[in-house]
Protein backbone atom coordinates (compact mmCIF):
# COMPACT_ATOMS: atom_id res chain seq x y z
CA MET A 1 -29.04 -21.55 0.58
CA LYS A 2 -32.19 -22.64 2.34
CA LEU A 3 -34.83 -24.46 0.26
CA VAL A 4 -38.35 -23.82 1.56
CA ILE A 5 -40.77 -26.43 0.16
CA ASP A 6 -44.55 -26.31 0.22
CA PRO A 7 -45.61 -29.97 0.66
CA LYS A 8 -48.54 -29.44 -1.75
CA VAL A 9 -46.07 -29.21 -4.65
CA LYS A 10 -45.35 -32.95 -4.43
CA SER A 11 -48.97 -33.82 -5.20
CA VAL A 12 -48.83 -31.71 -8.37
CA PHE A 13 -45.66 -33.47 -9.53
CA ASP A 14 -47.29 -36.82 -8.70
CA SER A 15 -50.31 -35.90 -10.84
CA TYR A 16 -48.25 -35.50 -14.02
CA PRO A 17 -48.06 -38.45 -16.46
CA ALA A 18 -45.15 -40.82 -15.86
CA SER A 19 -43.55 -39.72 -19.15
CA ILE A 20 -43.49 -36.05 -18.07
CA GLN A 21 -42.43 -36.40 -14.43
CA PRO A 22 -38.70 -37.00 -15.10
CA LYS A 23 -38.58 -33.99 -17.45
CA LEU A 24 -40.14 -31.63 -14.92
CA PHE A 25 -38.07 -33.08 -12.07
CA ARG A 26 -34.95 -32.36 -14.17
CA ILE A 27 -36.00 -28.72 -14.61
CA ARG A 28 -36.69 -28.55 -10.88
CA GLU A 29 -33.20 -29.91 -10.23
CA LEU A 30 -31.67 -27.33 -12.58
CA ILE A 31 -33.50 -24.52 -10.76
CA ILE A 32 -32.39 -25.72 -7.32
CA THR A 33 -28.81 -26.33 -8.44
CA THR A 34 -28.58 -22.93 -10.11
CA ALA A 35 -30.00 -21.23 -7.03
CA SER A 36 -27.46 -22.99 -4.80
CA GLU A 37 -24.64 -21.64 -6.99
CA ILE A 38 -25.72 -17.99 -6.65
CA GLU A 39 -23.57 -16.14 -4.14
CA ASN A 40 -25.56 -14.59 -1.27
CA LEU A 41 -28.85 -16.18 -2.33
CA GLN A 42 -30.31 -17.00 1.06
CA TYR A 43 -33.41 -18.98 0.14
CA LEU A 44 -35.39 -20.50 -2.69
CA GLU A 45 -39.09 -21.04 -2.10
CA GLU A 46 -40.87 -23.86 -3.92
CA THR A 47 -44.60 -23.26 -3.86
CA LEU A 48 -47.69 -23.33 -6.06
CA LYS A 49 -48.82 -20.37 -8.17
CA TRP A 50 -51.88 -20.92 -10.36
CA GLY A 51 -51.60 -24.58 -9.36
CA GLU A 52 -48.14 -24.88 -10.94
CA PRO A 53 -44.79 -25.59 -9.26
CA SER A 54 -43.17 -22.18 -8.79
CA TYR A 55 -39.83 -20.89 -7.55
CA LEU A 56 -39.24 -17.57 -5.84
CA THR A 57 -36.26 -15.71 -4.42
CA LYS A 58 -35.91 -12.29 -2.80
CA TYR A 59 -34.30 -10.62 -5.82
CA GLY A 60 -35.65 -12.86 -8.56
CA SER A 61 -38.60 -13.11 -10.87
CA THR A 62 -40.96 -16.05 -10.33
CA ILE A 63 -40.27 -19.17 -12.38
CA ARG A 64 -43.09 -21.64 -12.96
CA MET A 65 -43.32 -24.93 -14.83
CA ASP A 66 -46.15 -27.12 -16.01
CA TRP A 67 -47.55 -29.67 -18.43
CA LYS A 68 -50.99 -29.26 -20.01
CA HIS A 69 -53.43 -31.93 -21.23
CA LYS A 70 -54.11 -29.96 -24.42
CA ASN A 71 -50.44 -30.33 -25.50
CA PRO A 72 -49.48 -33.77 -24.15
CA ASP A 73 -46.09 -33.89 -25.92
CA GLN A 74 -44.94 -30.55 -24.50
CA TYR A 75 -44.05 -29.03 -21.17
CA ALA A 76 -42.93 -25.53 -20.32
CA ILE A 77 -41.02 -23.25 -18.00
CA TYR A 78 -42.76 -19.90 -17.51
CA PHE A 79 -41.39 -16.44 -16.73
CA LYS A 80 -43.14 -13.16 -15.95
CA CYS A 81 -44.41 -11.94 -19.33
CA THR A 82 -43.84 -8.25 -18.55
CA SER A 83 -40.17 -8.82 -17.70
CA LYS A 84 -37.24 -8.58 -20.11
CA LEU A 85 -36.44 -12.26 -19.60
CA ILE A 86 -37.91 -13.97 -22.68
CA PRO A 87 -36.93 -11.13 -25.05
CA THR A 88 -33.38 -11.44 -23.70
CA PHE A 89 -33.39 -15.23 -24.05
CA LYS A 90 -34.56 -14.82 -27.66
CA ALA A 91 -31.75 -12.35 -28.39
CA VAL A 92 -29.03 -14.40 -26.70
CA TYR A 93 -30.14 -17.94 -27.56
CA LYS A 94 -32.10 -17.32 -30.79
CA ASN A 95 -33.02 -20.80 -32.06
CA THR A 96 -31.87 -22.78 -29.03
CA PHE A 97 -35.36 -22.80 -27.53
CA ASN A 98 -38.97 -22.76 -28.68
CA TYR A 99 -40.87 -19.85 -27.15
CA GLU A 100 -44.48 -19.07 -26.39
CA GLY A 101 -44.74 -15.31 -26.72
CA ASN A 102 -42.93 -13.47 -23.95
CA ARG A 103 -43.90 -15.91 -21.23
CA ALA A 104 -42.49 -19.39 -21.78
CA ILE A 105 -39.86 -21.72 -23.10
CA ILE A 106 -41.57 -24.79 -24.54
CA PHE A 107 -39.94 -28.23 -24.59
CA ASN A 108 -40.89 -31.26 -26.65
CA LEU A 109 -41.21 -34.49 -24.68
CA PHE A 110 -39.04 -36.33 -27.22
CA GLU A 111 -36.16 -33.84 -27.33
CA GLY A 112 -33.38 -33.11 -24.88
CA ILE A 113 -33.07 -29.99 -22.78
CA PRO A 114 -30.16 -27.64 -23.62
CA GLU A 115 -29.15 -27.60 -19.95
CA LYS A 116 -26.23 -25.16 -20.01
CA GLU A 117 -28.30 -22.52 -21.79
CA LEU A 118 -31.38 -23.17 -19.64
CA LYS A 119 -29.32 -22.82 -16.46
CA HIS A 120 -28.17 -19.40 -17.69
CA CYS A 121 -31.81 -18.39 -18.30
CA ILE A 122 -32.73 -19.63 -14.82
CA LEU A 123 -29.83 -17.66 -13.33
CA MET A 124 -31.08 -14.47 -14.99
CA ALA A 125 -34.60 -15.09 -13.64
CA LEU A 126 -33.42 -15.85 -10.10
CA THR A 127 -31.37 -12.62 -10.03
CA TYR A 128 -33.66 -10.51 -12.22
CA HIS A 129 -34.19 -7.55 -9.89
CA LYS A 130 -30.43 -7.13 -9.54
CA ILE A 131 -29.73 -7.25 -13.28
CA LYS A 132 -32.84 -5.84 -14.98
CA HIS A 133 -31.15 -2.47 -15.54
CA LEU A 134 -28.25 -4.05 -17.49
CA PRO A 135 -28.28 -4.34 -21.30
CA PHE A 136 -29.34 -7.91 -22.19
CA LEU A 137 -29.55 -8.49 -18.42
CA GLY A 138 -25.77 -8.70 -18.34
CA ALA A 139 -25.75 -11.81 -20.54
């Protein structure tokens, strides 16, 4: 898998508070690792969408992440709100995550990330256009 990186993304990561940077870098690492484990995934593009680090693949749905000043103890990973992704995550992982509507999984700065479950969510997003016709996205 080829990772295509927009150099502007680094400045966004650098702008986050020191307490948030390791959390978002860990999510970034989970996205890249998951993408590298997907058979026949040729590239992952890291870019900015709406000023937020974003990840795109040919057959996937865009994944974004960010931290906001208005909620300093939280950070989030965002998915396309019109997709079946968050409703599927809610059905499969019920109380594992905190959700913001049909667009985001919200993490608390002081809690761990359920990495195995999040990697599965990331996998579904990165392959979304291949699995969107399956019940519960094939979960």
